[in-house]
PDB file of N, CA and C in Angstrom:
ATOM      1  N   VAL A   1      51.444  94.311  14.997  1.00  0.00           N
ATOM      2  CA  VAL A   1      51.335  94.455  13.311  1.00  0.00           C
ATOM      3  C   VAL A   1      49.471  95.712  13.678  1.00  0.00           C
ATOM      4  N   GLN A   2      49.667  96.678  12.822  1.00  0.00           N
ATOM      5  CA  GLN A   2      48.592  97.805  13.099  1.00  0.00           C
ATOM      6  C   GLN A   2      48.186  97.694  11.841  1.00  0.00           C
ATOM      7  N   LEU A   3      47.047  98.003  11.380  1.00  0.00           N
ATOM      8  CA  LEU A   3      46.876  98.496  10.087  1.00  0.00           C
ATOM      9  C   LEU A   3      45.355  99.803  10.570  1.00  0.00           C
ATOM     10  N   VAL A   4      45.613 101.004   9.693  1.00  0.00           N
ATOM     11  CA  VAL A   4      44.849 102.245  10.346  1.00  0.00           C
ATOM     12  C   VAL A   4      44.346 102.830   9.073  1.00  0.00           C
ATOM     13  N   GLU A   5      42.792 102.576   9.239  1.00  0.00           N
ATOM     14  CA  GLU A   5      42.343 103.461   7.672  1.00  0.00           C
ATOM     15  C   GLU A   5      41.944 104.523   8.216  1.00  0.00           C
ATOM     16  N   SER A   6      41.945 105.679   7.140  1.00  0.00           N
ATOM     17  CA  SER A   6      41.569 106.642   7.084  1.00  0.00           C
ATOM     18  C   SER A   6      41.029 107.445   5.848  1.00  0.00           C
ATOM     19  N   GLY A   7      40.386 108.631   5.907  1.00  0.00           N
ATOM     20  CA  GLY A   7      39.701 109.244   5.234  1.00  0.00           C
ATOM     21  C   GLY A   7      38.568 109.004   4.806  1.00  0.00           C
ATOM     22  N   GLY A   8      37.827 108.174   5.222  1.00  0.00           N
ATOM     23  CA  GLY A   8      35.973 108.466   5.097  1.00  0.00           C
ATOM     24  C   GLY A   8      35.449 109.682   5.633  1.00  0.00           C
ATOM     25  N   GLY A   9      34.461 109.685   5.187  1.00  0.00           N
ATOM     26  CA  GLY A   9      33.454 110.792   5.762  1.00  0.00           C
ATOM     27  C   GLY A   9      32.201 110.884   4.912  1.00  0.00           C
ATOM     28  N   LEU A  10      31.340 111.293   5.218  1.00  0.00           N
ATOM     29  CA  LEU A  10      30.462 112.044   4.356  1.00  0.00           C
ATOM     30  C   LEU A  10      30.383 112.917   3.026  1.00  0.00           C
ATOM     31  N   VAL A  11      29.885 112.282   1.751  1.00  0.00           N
ATOM     32  CA  VAL A  11      30.120 112.460   0.860  1.00  0.00           C
ATOM     33  C   VAL A  11      28.633 112.495   0.147  1.00  0.00           C
ATOM     34  N   GLN A  12      28.359 113.596  -0.800  1.00  0.00           N
ATOM     35  CA  GLN A  12      27.214 113.502  -1.740  1.00  0.00           C
ATOM     36  C   GLN A  12      27.351 112.916  -2.602  1.00  0.00           C
ATOM     37  N   PRO A  13      25.975 112.317  -3.178  1.00  0.00           N
ATOM     38  CA  PRO A  13      26.348 110.891  -4.849  1.00  0.00           C
ATOM     39  C   PRO A  13      26.693 111.440  -5.846  1.00  0.00           C
ATOM     40  N   GLY A  14      28.061 110.895  -6.099  1.00  0.00           N
ATOM     41  CA  GLY A  14      28.517 111.676  -7.460  1.00  0.00           C
ATOM     42  C   GLY A  14      29.379 111.565  -7.005  1.00  0.00           C
ATOM     43  N   GLY A  15      30.083 111.845  -5.544  1.00  0.00           N
ATOM     44  CA  GLY A  15      31.069 112.785  -5.201  1.00  0.00           C
ATOM     45  C   GLY A  15      32.332 111.920  -5.120  1.00  0.00           C
ATOM     46  N   SER A  16      33.206 111.843  -4.666  1.00  0.00           N
ATOM     47  CA  SER A  16      34.890 111.107  -4.306  1.00  0.00           C
ATOM     48  C   SER A  16      35.342 111.057  -3.067  1.00  0.00           C
ATOM     49  N   LEU A  17      36.273 110.170  -2.663  1.00  0.00           N
ATOM     50  CA  LEU A  17      37.017 109.671  -1.872  1.00  0.00           C
ATOM     51  C   LEU A  17      38.281 108.955  -1.560  1.00  0.00           C
ATOM     52  N   ARG A  18      39.282 108.971  -1.270  1.00  0.00           N
ATOM     53  CA  ARG A  18      40.078 108.259  -1.055  1.00  0.00           C
ATOM     54  C   ARG A  18      40.181 107.992   0.362  1.00  0.00           C
ATOM     55  N   LEU A  19      40.630 106.963   0.703  1.00  0.00           N
ATOM     56  CA  LEU A  19      41.016 105.997   1.882  1.00  0.00           C
ATOM     57  C   LEU A  19      42.180 105.535   1.886  1.00  0.00           C
ATOM     58  N   SER A  20      42.821 105.757   2.877  1.00  0.00           N
ATOM     59  CA  SER A  20      44.081 105.217   2.918  1.00  0.00           C
ATOM     60  C   SER A  20      44.058 103.999   4.216  1.00  0.00           C
ATOM     61  N   CYS A  21      45.527 103.404   3.992  1.00  0.00           N
ATOM     62  CA  CYS A  21      45.547 102.065   4.781  1.00  0.00           C
ATOM     63  C   CYS A  21      46.652 102.296   5.282  1.00  0.00           C
ATOM     64  N   GLU A  22      47.572 102.690   6.608  1.00  0.00           N
ATOM     65  CA  GLU A  22      48.805 102.875   6.914  1.00  0.00           C
ATOM     66  C   GLU A  22      48.879 101.404   8.054  1.00  0.00           C
ATOM     67  N   ALA A  23      50.272 100.641   7.621  1.00  0.00           N
ATOM     68  CA  ALA A  23      50.427  99.721   8.241  1.00  0.00           C
ATOM     69  C   ALA A  23      51.623 100.044   9.336  1.00  0.00           C
ATOM     70  N   SER A  24      51.774  99.072  10.109  1.00  0.00           N
ATOM     71  CA  SER A  24      53.147  99.205  10.864  1.00  0.00           C
ATOM     72  C   SER A  24      53.435  97.926  11.843  1.00  0.00           C
ATOM     73  N   GLY A  25      54.578  97.895  11.369  1.00  0.00           N
ATOM     74  CA  GLY A  25      54.928  96.011  12.158  1.00  0.00           C
ATOM     75  C   GLY A  25      55.202  95.067  11.213  1.00  0.00           C
ATOM     76  N   LEU A  26      54.934  95.606   9.258  1.00  0.00           N
ATOM     77  CA  LEU A  26      54.923  94.871   9.107  1.00  0.00           C
ATOM     78  C   LEU A  26      55.286  95.422   7.136  1.00  0.00           C
ATOM     79  N   ARG A  27      55.656  94.556   6.496  1.00  0.00           N
ATOM     80  CA  ARG A  27      55.976  95.589   5.209  1.00  0.00           C
ATOM     81  C   ARG A  27      54.994  95.010   4.245  1.00  0.00           C
ATOM     82  N   LEU A  28      53.725  96.081   3.625  1.00  0.00           N
ATOM     83  CA  LEU A  28      52.727  95.932   2.847  1.00  0.00           C
ATOM     84  C   LEU A  28      53.551  95.435   1.364  1.00  0.00           C
ATOM     85  N   SER A  29      54.702  95.369   1.402  1.00  0.00           N
ATOM     86  CA  SER A  29      55.160  95.139   0.031  1.00  0.00           C
ATOM     87  C   SER A  29      55.211  93.274  -0.352  1.00  0.00           C
ATOM     88  N   TYR A  30      54.989  92.666   1.006  1.00  0.00           N
ATOM     89  CA  TYR A  30      55.738  91.303   0.780  1.00  0.00           C
ATOM     90  C   TYR A  30      53.386  90.399   1.403  1.00  0.00           C
ATOM     91  N   PHE A  31      52.394  91.730   1.139  1.00  0.00           N
ATOM     92  CA  PHE A  31      51.441  91.074   1.847  1.00  0.00           C
ATOM     93  C   PHE A  31      50.392  91.254   0.792  1.00  0.00           C
ATOM     94  N   ALA A  32      49.465  90.360   0.054  1.00  0.00           N
ATOM     95  CA  ALA A  32      48.223  90.623  -0.344  1.00  0.00           C
ATOM     96  C   ALA A  32      47.265  91.470   0.291  1.00  0.00           C
ATOM     97  N   ILE A  33      46.656  93.063  -0.172  1.00  0.00           N
ATOM     98  CA  ILE A  33      46.008  93.615   0.491  1.00  0.00           C
ATOM     99  C   ILE A  33      44.440  93.360  -0.100  1.00  0.00           C
ATOM    100  N   GLY A  34      43.777  94.058   0.591  1.00  0.00           N
ATOM    101  CA  GLY A  34      42.068  93.901   0.556  1.00  0.00           C
ATOM    102  C   GLY A  34      41.786  94.713   1.349  1.00  0.00           C
ATOM    103  N   TRP A  35      40.222  95.706  -0.100  1.00  0.00           N
ATOM    104  CA  TRP A  35      39.600  96.454   1.180  1.00  0.00           C
ATOM    105  C   TRP A  35      38.201  95.988   1.355  1.00  0.00           C
ATOM    106  N   PHE A  36      37.498  95.590   2.236  1.00  0.00           N
ATOM    107  CA  PHE A  36      36.456  95.200   2.290  1.00  0.00           C
ATOM    108  C   PHE A  36      35.584  95.857   3.189  1.00  0.00           C
ATOM    109  N   ARG A  37      33.946  96.124   2.867  1.00  0.00           N
ATOM    110  CA  ARG A  37      32.810  96.797   3.799  1.00  0.00           C
ATOM    111  C   ARG A  37      31.971  96.133   4.078  1.00  0.00           C
ATOM    112  N   GLN A  38      31.460  97.017   5.329  1.00  0.00           N
ATOM    113  CA  GLN A  38      30.178  96.005   5.836  1.00  0.00           C
ATOM    114  C   GLN A  38      29.174  97.373   5.903  1.00  0.00           C
ATOM    115  N   ALA A  39      27.778  97.184   5.082  1.00  0.00           N
ATOM    116  CA  ALA A  39      26.624  97.764   5.419  1.00  0.00           C
ATOM    117  C   ALA A  39      26.068  97.128   7.068  1.00  0.00           C
ATOM    118  N   PRO A  40      24.970  98.530   7.596  1.00  0.00           N
ATOM    119  CA  PRO A  40      24.266  97.954   8.814  1.00  0.00           C
ATOM    120  C   PRO A  40      23.308  96.654   8.220  1.00  0.00           C
ATOM    121  N   GLY A  41      23.742  95.441   8.840  1.00  0.00           N
ATOM    122  CA  GLY A  41      22.869  94.551   8.426  1.00  0.00           C
ATOM    123  C   GLY A  41      22.779  93.326   7.848  1.00  0.00           C
ATOM    124  N   LYS A  42      24.433  94.074   6.711  1.00  0.00           N
ATOM    125  CA  LYS A  42      24.462  93.170   6.018  1.00  0.00           C
ATOM    126  C   LYS A  42      26.055  92.709   6.467  1.00  0.00           C
ATOM    127  N   GLU A  43      26.482  91.437   5.245  1.00  0.00           N
ATOM    128  CA  GLU A  43      27.683  90.584   5.505  1.00  0.00           C
ATOM    129  C   GLU A  43      28.676  91.614   4.966  1.00  0.00           C
ATOM    130  N   ARG A  44      29.863  91.216   5.654  1.00  0.00           N
ATOM    131  CA  ARG A  44      31.375  91.860   4.846  1.00  0.00           C
ATOM    132  C   ARG A  44      31.433  91.473   3.464  1.00  0.00           C
ATOM    133  N   GLU A  45      31.530  92.023   2.766  1.00  0.00           N
ATOM    134  CA  GLU A  45      32.319  92.330   1.830  1.00  0.00           C
ATOM    135  C   GLU A  45      33.225  92.922   1.036  1.00  0.00           C
ATOM    136  N   GLY A  46      33.916  91.643  -0.347  1.00  0.00           N
ATOM    137  CA  GLY A  46      35.365  92.179  -0.903  1.00  0.00           C
ATOM    138  C   GLY A  46      34.522  93.540  -1.820  1.00  0.00           C
ATOM    139  N   VAL A  47      35.846  94.242  -1.394  1.00  0.00           N
ATOM    140  CA  VAL A  47      35.502  96.038  -2.628  1.00  0.00           C
ATOM    141  C   VAL A  47      36.763  95.518  -3.857  1.00  0.00           C
ATOM    142  N   ALA A  48      37.707  95.663  -3.277  1.00  0.00           N
ATOM    143  CA  ALA A  48      39.172  95.311  -4.109  1.00  0.00           C
ATOM    144  C   ALA A  48      40.282  94.503  -3.659  1.00  0.00           C
ATOM    145  N   CYS A  49      41.330  94.066  -4.210  1.00  0.00           N
ATOM    146  CA  CYS A  49      41.913  93.642  -3.849  1.00  0.00           C
ATOM    147  C   CYS A  49      43.312  93.636  -4.681  1.00  0.00           C
ATOM    148  N   ASP A  50      44.756  93.593  -4.319  1.00  0.00           N
ATOM    149  CA  ASP A  50      45.758  93.865  -4.775  1.00  0.00           C
ATOM    150  C   ASP A  50      47.069  92.225  -4.277  1.00  0.00           C
ATOM    151  N   SER A  51      47.144  91.517  -5.411  1.00  0.00           N
ATOM    152  CA  SER A  51      48.755  90.587  -4.820  1.00  0.00           C
ATOM    153  C   SER A  51      49.852  91.373  -4.992  1.00  0.00           C
ATOM    154  N   SER A  52      50.599  91.049  -4.239  1.00  0.00           N
ATOM    155  CA  SER A  52      52.197  91.436  -4.527  1.00  0.00           C
ATOM    156  C   SER A  52      53.078  90.211  -4.327  1.00  0.00           C
ATOM    157  N   PRO A  53      53.893  90.201  -5.401  1.00  0.00           N
ATOM    158  CA  PRO A  53      54.431  91.313  -5.893  1.00  0.00           C
ATOM    159  C   PRO A  53      54.054  91.183  -7.398  1.00  0.00           C
ATOM    160  N   ASP A  54      53.069  90.250  -7.743  1.00  0.00           N
ATOM    161  CA  ASP A  54      52.863  90.458  -9.325  1.00  0.00           C
ATOM    162  C   ASP A  54      51.589  91.341  -9.348  1.00  0.00           C
ATOM    163  N   GLY A  55      50.951  92.140  -8.830  1.00  0.00           N
ATOM    164  CA  GLY A  55      49.891  93.281  -8.711  1.00  0.00           C
ATOM    165  C   GLY A  55      48.884  93.048  -9.426  1.00  0.00           C
ATOM    166  N   THR A  56      48.444  91.454  -9.545  1.00  0.00           N
ATOM    167  CA  THR A  56      46.635  91.306  -9.717  1.00  0.00           C
ATOM    168  C   THR A  56      45.939  91.862  -9.137  1.00  0.00           C
ATOM    169  N   GLU A  57      45.337  92.918  -9.519  1.00  0.00           N
ATOM    170  CA  GLU A  57      43.905  93.003  -8.850  1.00  0.00           C
ATOM    171  C   GLU A  57      42.745  92.636  -9.437  1.00  0.00           C
ATOM    172  N   TYR A  58      41.863  92.674  -8.440  1.00  0.00           N
ATOM    173  CA  TYR A  58      40.490  92.278  -8.371  1.00  0.00           C
ATOM    174  C   TYR A  58      39.424  93.029  -8.269  1.00  0.00           C
ATOM    175  N   TYR A  59      38.248  93.569  -8.553  1.00  0.00           N
ATOM    176  CA  TYR A  59      37.098  94.112  -7.843  1.00  0.00           C
ATOM    177  C   TYR A  59      35.716  93.510  -7.809  1.00  0.00           C
ATOM    178  N   ALA A  60      34.992  93.988  -7.080  1.00  0.00           N
ATOM    179  CA  ALA A  60      34.067  93.595  -7.089  1.00  0.00           C
ATOM    180  C   ALA A  60      32.847  94.106  -8.299  1.00  0.00           C
ATOM    181  N   GLY A  61      32.143  93.365  -8.726  1.00  0.00           N
ATOM    182  CA  GLY A  61      31.351  94.340  -9.851  1.00  0.00           C
ATOM    183  C   GLY A  61      30.541  94.965  -9.893  1.00  0.00           C
ATOM    184  N   SER A  62      30.460  95.637  -8.197  1.00  0.00           N
ATOM    185  CA  SER A  62      29.616  96.587  -8.071  1.00  0.00           C
ATOM    186  C   SER A  62      30.120  97.931  -7.783  1.00  0.00           C
ATOM    187  N   VAL A  63      31.675  97.570  -7.888  1.00  0.00           N
ATOM    188  CA  VAL A  63      32.394  98.769  -7.919  1.00  0.00           C
ATOM    189  C   VAL A  63      33.597  98.925  -8.937  1.00  0.00           C
ATOM    190  N   LYS A  64      33.196  98.083 -10.339  1.00  0.00           N
ATOM    191  CA  LYS A  64      34.270  98.147 -10.860  1.00  0.00           C
ATOM    192  C   LYS A  64      34.293  98.769 -11.898  1.00  0.00           C
ATOM    193  N   GLY A  65      35.550 100.230 -12.091  1.00  0.00           N
ATOM    194  CA  GLY A  65      35.196 101.095 -13.061  1.00  0.00           C
ATOM    195  C   GLY A  65      35.173 102.141 -12.532  1.00  0.00           C
ATOM    196  N   ARG A  66      34.803 102.230 -11.270  1.00  0.00           N
ATOM    197  CA  ARG A  66      34.527 103.491 -10.036  1.00  0.00           C
ATOM    198  C   ARG A  66      35.774 103.537  -9.032  1.00  0.00           C
ATOM    199  N   PHE A  67      35.950 102.139  -8.280  1.00  0.00           N
ATOM    200  CA  PHE A  67      37.223 102.138  -7.567  1.00  0.00           C
ATOM    201  C   PHE A  67      38.153 102.144  -8.038  1.00  0.00           C
ATOM    202  N   ALA A  68      39.163 102.219  -7.226  1.00  0.00           N
ATOM    203  CA  ALA A  68      40.501 101.680  -7.632  1.00  0.00           C
ATOM    204  C   ALA A  68      41.889 101.491  -6.655  1.00  0.00           C
ATOM    205  N   ILE A  69      42.298 100.380  -6.745  1.00  0.00           N
ATOM    206  CA  ILE A  69      43.245 100.073  -5.209  1.00  0.00           C
ATOM    207  C   ILE A  69      44.461 100.783  -5.893  1.00  0.00           C
ATOM    208  N   SER A  70      45.203 101.304  -4.982  1.00  0.00           N
ATOM    209  CA  SER A  70      46.810 101.136  -5.173  1.00  0.00           C
ATOM    210  C   SER A  70      47.577 101.138  -3.619  1.00  0.00           C
ATOM    211  N   ARG A  71      48.598 101.146  -4.053  1.00  0.00           N
ATOM    212  CA  ARG A  71      49.690 101.044  -3.073  1.00  0.00           C
ATOM    213  C   ARG A  71      50.964 101.591  -3.044  1.00  0.00           C
ATOM    214  N   ASP A  72      51.770 101.867  -1.957  1.00  0.00           N
ATOM    215  CA  ASP A  72      53.196 102.815  -1.716  1.00  0.00           C
ATOM    216  C   ASP A  72      53.866 101.675  -1.072  1.00  0.00           C
ATOM    217  N   ASN A  73      54.821 100.846  -1.846  1.00  0.00           N
ATOM    218  CA  ASN A  73      55.300 100.154  -0.777  1.00  0.00           C
ATOM    219  C   ASN A  73      56.345 101.554   0.093  1.00  0.00           C
ATOM    220  N   ALA A  74      56.434 101.931  -0.848  1.00  0.00           N
ATOM    221  CA  ALA A  74      58.036 102.906  -0.090  1.00  0.00           C
ATOM    222  C   ALA A  74      57.474 103.534   1.316  1.00  0.00           C
ATOM    223  N   LYS A  75      55.982 103.841   1.384  1.00  0.00           N
ATOM    224  CA  LYS A  75      55.432 104.867   2.444  1.00  0.00           C
ATOM    225  C   LYS A  75      54.715 103.698   3.224  1.00  0.00           C
ATOM    226  N   ASN A  76      55.026 102.236   3.013  1.00  0.00           N
ATOM    227  CA  ASN A  76      54.159 101.509   3.402  1.00  0.00           C
ATOM    228  C   ASN A  76      52.222 101.826   3.992  1.00  0.00           C
ATOM    229  N   MET A  77      52.039 102.130   2.642  1.00  0.00           N
ATOM    230  CA  MET A  77      50.506 102.876   2.636  1.00  0.00           C
ATOM    231  C   MET A  77      49.604 102.007   1.423  1.00  0.00           C
ATOM    232  N   VAL A  78      48.020 101.662   1.920  1.00  0.00           N
ATOM    233  CA  VAL A  78      47.903 100.991   1.012  1.00  0.00           C
ATOM    234  C   VAL A  78      46.673 102.473   0.447  1.00  0.00           C
ATOM    235  N   TYR A  79      45.947 102.387  -0.746  1.00  0.00           N
ATOM    236  CA  TYR A  79      44.740 103.374  -1.332  1.00  0.00           C
ATOM    237  C   TYR A  79      43.674 102.739  -2.037  1.00  0.00           C
ATOM    238  N   LEU A  80      42.769 103.272  -1.704  1.00  0.00           N
ATOM    239  CA  LEU A  80      41.373 103.140  -2.429  1.00  0.00           C
ATOM    240  C   LEU A  80      40.609 104.255  -2.936  1.00  0.00           C
ATOM    241  N   GLN A  81      40.930 104.407  -4.195  1.00  0.00           N
ATOM    242  CA  GLN A  81      39.761 105.741  -4.808  1.00  0.00           C
ATOM    243  C   GLN A  81      38.960 105.455  -5.255  1.00  0.00           C
ATOM    244  N   MET A  82      37.835 106.283  -4.420  1.00  0.00           N
ATOM    245  CA  MET A  82      36.654 105.791  -4.646  1.00  0.00           C
ATOM    246  C   MET A  82      36.076 107.207  -6.112  1.00  0.00           C
ATOM    247  N   ASN A  83      35.089 106.797  -6.585  1.00  0.00           N
ATOM    248  CA  ASN A  83      34.528 108.089  -7.616  1.00  0.00           C
ATOM    249  C   ASN A  83      33.338 107.303  -8.052  1.00  0.00           C
ATOM    250  N   SER A  84      32.242 108.194  -8.346  1.00  0.00           N
ATOM    251  CA  SER A  84      30.971 108.252  -8.904  1.00  0.00           C
ATOM    252  C   SER A  84      30.064 107.501  -7.650  1.00  0.00           C
ATOM    253  N   LEU A  85      30.316 108.243  -6.173  1.00  0.00           N
ATOM    254  CA  LEU A  85      29.654 107.313  -5.169  1.00  0.00           C
ATOM    255  C   LEU A  85      28.609 107.250  -5.018  1.00  0.00           C
ATOM    256  N   LYS A  86      28.263 106.105  -4.927  1.00  0.00           N
ATOM    257  CA  LYS A  86      26.250 106.176  -5.251  1.00  0.00           C
ATOM    258  C   LYS A  86      25.591 105.861  -3.176  1.00  0.00           C
ATOM    259  N   SER A  87      24.659 105.905  -3.209  1.00  0.00           N
ATOM    260  CA  SER A  87      24.310 105.504  -1.717  1.00  0.00           C
ATOM    261  C   SER A  87      24.540 104.120  -1.028  1.00  0.00           C
ATOM    262  N   GLU A  88      24.081 102.902  -2.238  1.00  0.00           N
ATOM    263  CA  GLU A  88      24.693 101.797  -1.615  1.00  0.00           C
ATOM    264  C   GLU A  88      25.902 101.579  -1.443  1.00  0.00           C
ATOM    265  N   ASP A  89      27.026 102.519  -1.549  1.00  0.00           N
ATOM    266  CA  ASP A  89      28.180 102.316  -1.354  1.00  0.00           C
ATOM    267  C   ASP A  89      28.366 102.778   1.050  1.00  0.00           C
ATOM    268  N   THR A  90      27.742 103.389   1.125  1.00  0.00           N
ATOM    269  CA  THR A  90      27.634 103.408   2.079  1.00  0.00           C
ATOM    270  C   THR A  90      28.157 102.257   3.407  1.00  0.00           C
ATOM    271  N   ALA A  91      29.281 102.634   3.720  1.00  0.00           N
ATOM    272  CA  ALA A  91      29.107 100.985   5.126  1.00  0.00           C
ATOM    273  C   ALA A  91      30.560 101.681   5.330  1.00  0.00           C
ATOM    274  N   VAL A  92      31.230 100.864   6.579  1.00  0.00           N
ATOM    275  CA  VAL A  92      32.051 100.896   6.964  1.00  0.00           C
ATOM    276  C   VAL A  92      33.278  99.962   6.510  1.00  0.00           C
ATOM    277  N   TYR A  93      34.298 100.810   5.793  1.00  0.00           N
ATOM    278  CA  TYR A  93      35.148 100.271   5.449  1.00  0.00           C
ATOM    279  C   TYR A  93      36.555  99.681   5.506  1.00  0.00           C
ATOM    280  N   TYR A  94      37.067  98.563   5.598  1.00  0.00           N
ATOM    281  CA  TYR A  94      38.478  98.135   6.562  1.00  0.00           C
ATOM    282  C   TYR A  94      39.089  97.562   5.475  1.00  0.00           C
ATOM    283  N   CYS A  95      40.858  97.771   5.553  1.00  0.00           N
ATOM    284  CA  CYS A  95      41.707  96.971   4.670  1.00  0.00           C
ATOM    285  C   CYS A  95      42.271  95.810   5.759  1.00  0.00           C
ATOM    286  N   ALA A  96      42.850  94.860   4.570  1.00  0.00           N
ATOM    287  CA  ALA A  96      43.384  93.528   5.427  1.00  0.00           C
ATOM    288  C   ALA A  96      44.522  93.180   4.620  1.00  0.00           C
ATOM    289  N   ALA A  97      45.596  92.534   5.446  1.00  0.00           N
ATOM    290  CA  ALA A  97      46.841  92.180   5.141  1.00  0.00           C
ATOM    291  C   ALA A  97      46.670  90.624   5.056  1.00  0.00           C
ATOM    292  N   ALA A  98      46.775  90.084   3.499  1.00  0.00           N
ATOM    293  CA  ALA A  98      46.902  88.024   3.608  1.00  0.00           C
ATOM    294  C   ALA A  98      48.555  87.681   3.667  1.00  0.00           C
ATOM    295  N   VAL A  99      48.992  86.959   4.322  1.00  0.00           N
ATOM    296  CA  VAL A  99      50.000  86.282   3.761  1.00  0.00           C
ATOM    297  C   VAL A  99      49.933  85.422   3.082  1.00  0.00           C
ATOM    298  N   ALA A 100      50.813  85.123   2.369  1.00  0.00           N
ATOM    299  CA  ALA A 100      51.113  84.110   1.160  1.00  0.00           C
ATOM    300  C   ALA A 100      49.813  83.636   0.398  1.00  0.00           C
ATOM    301  N   LEU A 101      49.107  84.998   0.180  1.00  0.00           N
ATOM    302  CA  LEU A 101      48.329  84.452  -0.663  1.00  0.00           C
ATOM    303  C   LEU A 101      47.894  85.468  -2.131  1.00  0.00           C
ATOM    304  N   SER A 102      48.241  84.825  -3.055  1.00  0.00           N
ATOM    305  CA  SER A 102      48.576  84.649  -4.429  1.00  0.00           C
ATOM    306  C   SER A 102      47.946  84.096  -5.404  1.00  0.00           C
ATOM    307  N   PRO A 103      47.140  84.536  -6.157  1.00  0.00           N
ATOM    308  CA  PRO A 103      46.565  86.045  -6.135  1.00  0.00           C
ATOM    309  C   PRO A 103      45.468  86.352  -4.930  1.00  0.00           C
ATOM    310  N   CYS A 104      45.250  87.382  -4.959  1.00  0.00           N
ATOM    311  CA  CYS A 104      44.310  87.915  -3.464  1.00  0.00           C
ATOM    312  C   CYS A 104      42.971  87.349  -3.966  1.00  0.00           C
ATOM    313  N   THR A 105      42.374  87.861  -3.189  1.00  0.00           N
ATOM    314  CA  THR A 105      41.049  87.059  -3.201  1.00  0.00           C
ATOM    315  C   THR A 105      39.716  87.879  -2.390  1.00  0.00           C
ATOM    316  N   LEU A 106      38.814  88.020  -2.855  1.00  0.00           N
ATOM    317  CA  LEU A 106      37.863  88.952  -2.489  1.00  0.00           C
ATOM    318  C   LEU A 106      36.711  87.764  -1.710  1.00  0.00           C
ATOM    319  N   SER A 107      36.687  86.926  -1.574  1.00  0.00           N
ATOM    320  CA  SER A 107      35.682  86.098  -1.436  1.00  0.00           C
ATOM    321  C   SER A 107      35.565  85.681  -0.094  1.00  0.00           C
ATOM    322  N   ASP A 108      34.654  84.910   0.712  1.00  0.00           N
ATOM    323  CA  ASP A 108      34.315  84.740   2.018  1.00  0.00           C
ATOM    324  C   ASP A 108      34.531  85.444   2.790  1.00  0.00           C
ATOM    325  N   GLY A 109      33.948  87.025   2.549  1.00  0.00           N
ATOM    326  CA  GLY A 109      34.050  87.875   3.498  1.00  0.00           C
ATOM    327  C   GLY A 109      35.344  88.142   4.098  1.00  0.00           C
ATOM    328  N   GLY A 110      36.830  87.774   3.510  1.00  0.00           N
ATOM    329  CA  GLY A 110      37.824  88.299   4.112  1.00  0.00           C
ATOM    330  C   GLY A 110      38.657  87.073   4.389  1.00  0.00           C
ATOM    331  N   SER A 111      37.806  85.821   4.941  1.00  0.00           N
ATOM    332  CA  SER A 111      38.477  85.136   5.859  1.00  0.00           C
ATOM    333  C   SER A 111      39.751  84.523   5.897  1.00  0.00           C
ATOM    334  N   LYS A 112      40.672  84.831   4.656  1.00  0.00           N
ATOM    335  CA  LYS A 112      41.412  84.104   4.142  1.00  0.00           C
ATOM    336  C   LYS A 112      42.730  85.324   4.701  1.00  0.00           C
ATOM    337  N   TYR A 113      42.157  86.377   4.764  1.00  0.00           N
ATOM    338  CA  TYR A 113      43.447  87.517   5.579  1.00  0.00           C
ATOM    339  C   TYR A 113      43.442  87.441   6.804  1.00  0.00           C
ATOM    340  N   ASP A 114      45.057  87.859   7.639  1.00  0.00           N
ATOM    341  CA  ASP A 114      45.256  87.914   8.651  1.00  0.00           C
ATOM    342  C   ASP A 114      45.527  88.673   9.086  1.00  0.00           C
ATOM    343  N   TYR A 115      45.116  90.001   9.008  1.00  0.00           N
ATOM    344  CA  TYR A 115      45.088  91.009   9.547  1.00  0.00           C
ATOM    345  C   TYR A 115      44.316  92.432   9.217  1.00  0.00           C
ATOM    346  N   TRP A 116      43.781  92.922  10.228  1.00  0.00           N
ATOM    347  CA  TRP A 116      42.749  93.975   9.895  1.00  0.00           C
ATOM    348  C   TRP A 116      42.858  94.882  10.250  1.00  0.00           C
ATOM    349  N   GLY A 117      42.194  96.155   9.879  1.00  0.00           N
ATOM    350  CA  GLY A 117      41.992  97.642  10.318  1.00  0.00           C
ATOM    351  C   GLY A 117      40.917  97.619  11.074  1.00  0.00           C
ATOM    352  N   GLN A 118      40.762  98.760  12.235  1.00  0.00           N
ATOM    353  CA  GLN A 118      39.820  98.970  12.995  1.00  0.00           C
ATOM    354  C   GLN A 118      38.175  99.779  11.805  1.00  0.00           C
ATOM    355  N   GLY A 119      38.713  99.781  10.901  1.00  0.00           N
ATOM    356  CA  GLY A 119      37.717 100.576  10.019  1.00  0.00           C
ATOM    357  C   GLY A 119      37.677 102.143   9.828  1.00  0.00           C
ATOM    358  N   THR A 120      36.766 102.589   8.715  1.00  0.00           N
ATOM    359  CA  THR A 120      36.693 104.312   8.790  1.00  0.00           C
ATOM    360  C   THR A 120      35.180 104.009   8.184  1.00  0.00           C
ATOM    361  N   GLN A 121      34.454 104.978   8.524  1.00  0.00           N
ATOM    362  CA  GLN A 121      32.689 105.131   7.915  1.00  0.00           C
ATOM    363  C   GLN A 121      33.068 105.441   6.873  1.00  0.00           C
ATOM    364  N   VAL A 122      32.296 105.432   5.620  1.00  0.00           N
ATOM    365  CA  VAL A 122      31.841 106.174   4.606  1.00  0.00           C
ATOM    366  C   VAL A 122      30.442 106.202   4.257  1.00  0.00           C
ATOM    367  N   THR A 123      29.771 107.150   4.578  1.00  0.00           N
ATOM    368  CA  THR A 123      28.128 107.469   4.149  1.00  0.00           C
ATOM    369  C   THR A 123      28.331 108.078   2.813  1.00  0.00           C
ATOM    370  N   VAL A 124      27.352 107.852   1.862  1.00  0.00           N
ATOM    371  CA  VAL A 124      27.251 108.871   0.554  1.00  0.00           C
ATOM    372  C   VAL A 124      25.631 109.072   0.538  1.00  0.00           C
ATOM    373  N   SER A 125      25.849 110.274   1.109  1.00  0.00           N
ATOM    374  CA  SER A 125      23.992 111.441   1.345  1.00  0.00           C
ATOM    375  C   SER A 125      23.963 112.341   0.856  1.00  0.00           C
ATOM    376  N   SER A 126      22.818 112.680   0.179  1.00  0.00           N
ATOM    377  CA  SER A 126      22.537 113.936  -0.219  1.00  0.00           C
ATOM    378  C   SER A 126      21.925 115.045   0.869  1.00  0.00           C
TER     379      SER A 126
END
């Protein structure tokens, strides 16, 4: 099982990025998916998650209205669209998959998730 994130980079405040997470060895349609992030010196925090198959979504208050999670089950991919980025969004972003987790959760730094990617760096700076 492997999750591989991509799409991170350097962006100016107010800009946008779309992160991708490609899965191999598992069918994402059967899993809850979460995006988490960890900034230097801070604990890992949940950003957004999506339950399958009911499609319930949750967002952290700090990103609600700016970020959107989506999935393409046919491609076995998950995405995180990030708009109106702020300096405080700077972090390493991870995607994670959870078996039999419905609804999905952003709590406890993702302790209920079973599989994790290696992370992709997002830096928001002018």
